[in-house]
């Protein structure tokens, strides 16, 4: 029988991945940038699309003129919300997986019991 202890790693990944993606340092490799700066910039631009123009402009100006710590502070609320949505998705998928797996396991045990009884 499966329980949530079998899927703890999914919960940890769903919580940690959005948070740590923006906290990584940014580095350059062969003319392309990789790391947290790209994730932070993408998240801010994504959120800015759905804000009113004045608020979006203010957010982008603060992001572009800020230091790395300012960028991280602007990124954290977005990352926490993404983590919450990821946890909800993991919970729904995990519940379905656990329920289906346990139903299959119970039906297998039930058929073995009936076979052992000779019914």
Protein backbone atom coordinates (compact mmCIF):
# COMPACT_ATOMS: atom_id res chain seq x y z
CA UNK A 1 0.00 0.00 0.00
CA UNK A 2 1.30 3.42 -0.96
CA UNK A 3 1.21 6.40 1.38
CA UNK A 4 2.44 9.96 1.21
CA UNK A 5 5.75 8.80 2.67
CA UNK A 6 6.43 7.16 -0.69
CA UNK A 7 6.04 10.52 -2.44
CA UNK A 8 7.74 12.91 0.00
CA UNK A 9 10.41 13.75 -2.58
CA UNK A 10 7.72 15.17 -4.90
CA UNK A 11 6.54 17.53 -2.19
CA UNK A 12 10.10 18.69 -1.51
CA UNK A 13 10.78 19.23 -5.21
CA UNK A 14 7.52 21.16 -5.69
CA UNK A 15 8.41 23.47 -2.82
CA UNK A 16 12.13 23.89 -3.43
CA UNK A 17 12.43 24.12 -7.21
CA UNK A 18 10.68 27.48 -7.71
CA UNK A 19 12.41 28.98 -4.69
CA UNK A 20 15.93 27.86 -5.53
CA UNK A 21 15.62 28.53 -9.27
CA UNK A 22 15.77 32.26 -8.65
CA UNK A 23 18.33 32.10 -5.87
CA UNK A 24 21.05 30.54 -7.99
CA UNK A 25 23.88 32.80 -9.09
CA UNK A 26 24.00 33.90 -12.72
CA UNK A 27 26.94 32.81 -14.85
CA UNK A 28 27.95 33.14 -18.48
CA UNK A 29 28.91 30.19 -20.66
CA UNK A 30 29.81 30.67 -24.33
CA UNK A 31 28.00 33.99 -24.56
CA UNK A 32 24.77 32.79 -22.92
CA UNK A 33 23.65 33.52 -19.39
CA UNK A 34 22.41 30.79 -17.08
CA UNK A 35 21.19 30.71 -13.50
CA UNK A 36 18.91 32.61 -11.18
CA UNK A 37 19.00 35.98 -12.90
CA UNK A 38 17.26 34.55 -15.94
CA UNK A 39 14.57 32.89 -13.78
CA UNK A 40 14.00 36.09 -11.79
CA UNK A 41 13.76 38.21 -14.93
CA UNK A 42 11.35 35.78 -16.59
CA UNK A 43 9.12 35.69 -13.48
CA UNK A 44 9.02 39.49 -13.15
CA UNK A 45 8.24 39.94 -16.85
CA UNK A 46 5.53 37.28 -16.69
CA UNK A 47 3.84 38.97 -13.73
CA UNK A 48 4.27 42.44 -15.24
CA UNK A 49 2.19 41.40 -18.27
CA UNK A 50 -0.88 41.01 -16.05
CA UNK A 51 -0.44 44.16 -13.99
CA UNK A 52 -1.78 47.62 -14.91
CA UNK A 53 0.72 49.67 -16.91
CA UNK A 54 1.74 51.96 -14.04
CA UNK A 55 2.35 49.09 -11.62
CA UNK A 56 4.14 47.03 -14.26
CA UNK A 57 6.43 49.92 -15.14
CA UNK A 58 7.22 50.52 -11.47
CA UNK A 59 7.94 46.82 -10.89
CA UNK A 60 10.24 46.56 -13.89
CA UNK A 61 12.05 49.80 -13.00
CA UNK A 62 12.68 48.57 -9.45
CA UNK A 63 13.89 45.24 -10.81
CA UNK A 64 16.21 46.77 -13.40
CA UNK A 65 17.71 49.38 -11.08
CA UNK A 66 18.00 47.16 -8.02
CA UNK A 67 20.80 45.04 -6.69
CA UNK A 68 20.73 41.26 -6.64
CA UNK A 69 19.14 41.28 -3.19
CA UNK A 70 16.40 43.62 -4.44
CA UNK A 71 15.78 41.30 -7.37
CA UNK A 72 15.48 38.35 -5.00
CA UNK A 73 13.07 40.26 -2.74
CA UNK A 74 10.87 41.05 -5.74
CA UNK A 75 11.09 37.44 -6.92
CA UNK A 76 10.23 35.72 -3.60
CA UNK A 77 6.46 36.44 -3.56
CA UNK A 78 6.21 35.09 -7.09
CA UNK A 79 8.22 31.98 -6.19
CA UNK A 80 6.09 31.32 -3.10
CA UNK A 81 2.92 31.50 -5.17
CA UNK A 82 4.37 29.19 -7.81
CA UNK A 83 5.37 26.77 -5.04
CA UNK A 84 1.83 26.84 -3.64
CA UNK A 85 0.33 26.06 -7.04
CA UNK A 86 2.88 23.28 -7.57
CA UNK A 87 2.00 21.81 -4.17
CA UNK A 88 -1.70 21.78 -5.05
CA UNK A 89 -0.96 20.01 -8.33
CA UNK A 90 1.35 17.50 -6.62
CA UNK A 91 -1.29 16.86 -3.96
CA UNK A 92 -4.03 16.19 -6.53
CA UNK A 93 -1.85 13.94 -8.68
CA UNK A 94 -0.43 12.17 -5.62
CA UNK A 95 -3.88 11.53 -4.19
CA UNK A 96 -5.01 10.02 -7.47
CA UNK A 97 -1.89 7.86 -7.72
CA UNK A 98 -2.19 6.63 -4.13
CA UNK A 99 -5.91 5.88 -4.46
CA UNK A 100 -5.57 4.01 -7.75
CA UNK A 101 -2.51 2.08 -6.58
CA UNK A 102 -4.20 1.07 -3.32
CA UNK A 103 -7.38 0.01 -5.13
CA UNK A 104 -5.36 -2.20 -7.47
CA UNK A 105 -3.37 -3.66 -4.56
CA UNK A 106 -6.55 -4.34 -2.57
CA UNK A 107 -8.21 -6.07 -5.53
CA UNK A 108 -5.12 -8.24 -6.04
CA UNK A 109 -5.12 -9.24 -2.36
CA UNK A 110 -8.86 -9.90 -2.44
CA UNK A 111 -8.54 -12.19 -5.47
CA UNK A 112 -5.67 -14.07 -3.80
CA UNK A 113 -7.79 -14.54 -0.65
CA UNK A 114 -10.72 -15.83 -2.68
CA UNK A 115 -8.45 -18.18 -4.58
CA UNK A 116 -6.96 -19.47 -1.32
CA UNK A 117 -10.46 -20.08 0.08
CA UNK A 118 -11.38 -21.98 -3.06
CA UNK A 119 -14.30 -19.77 -3.89
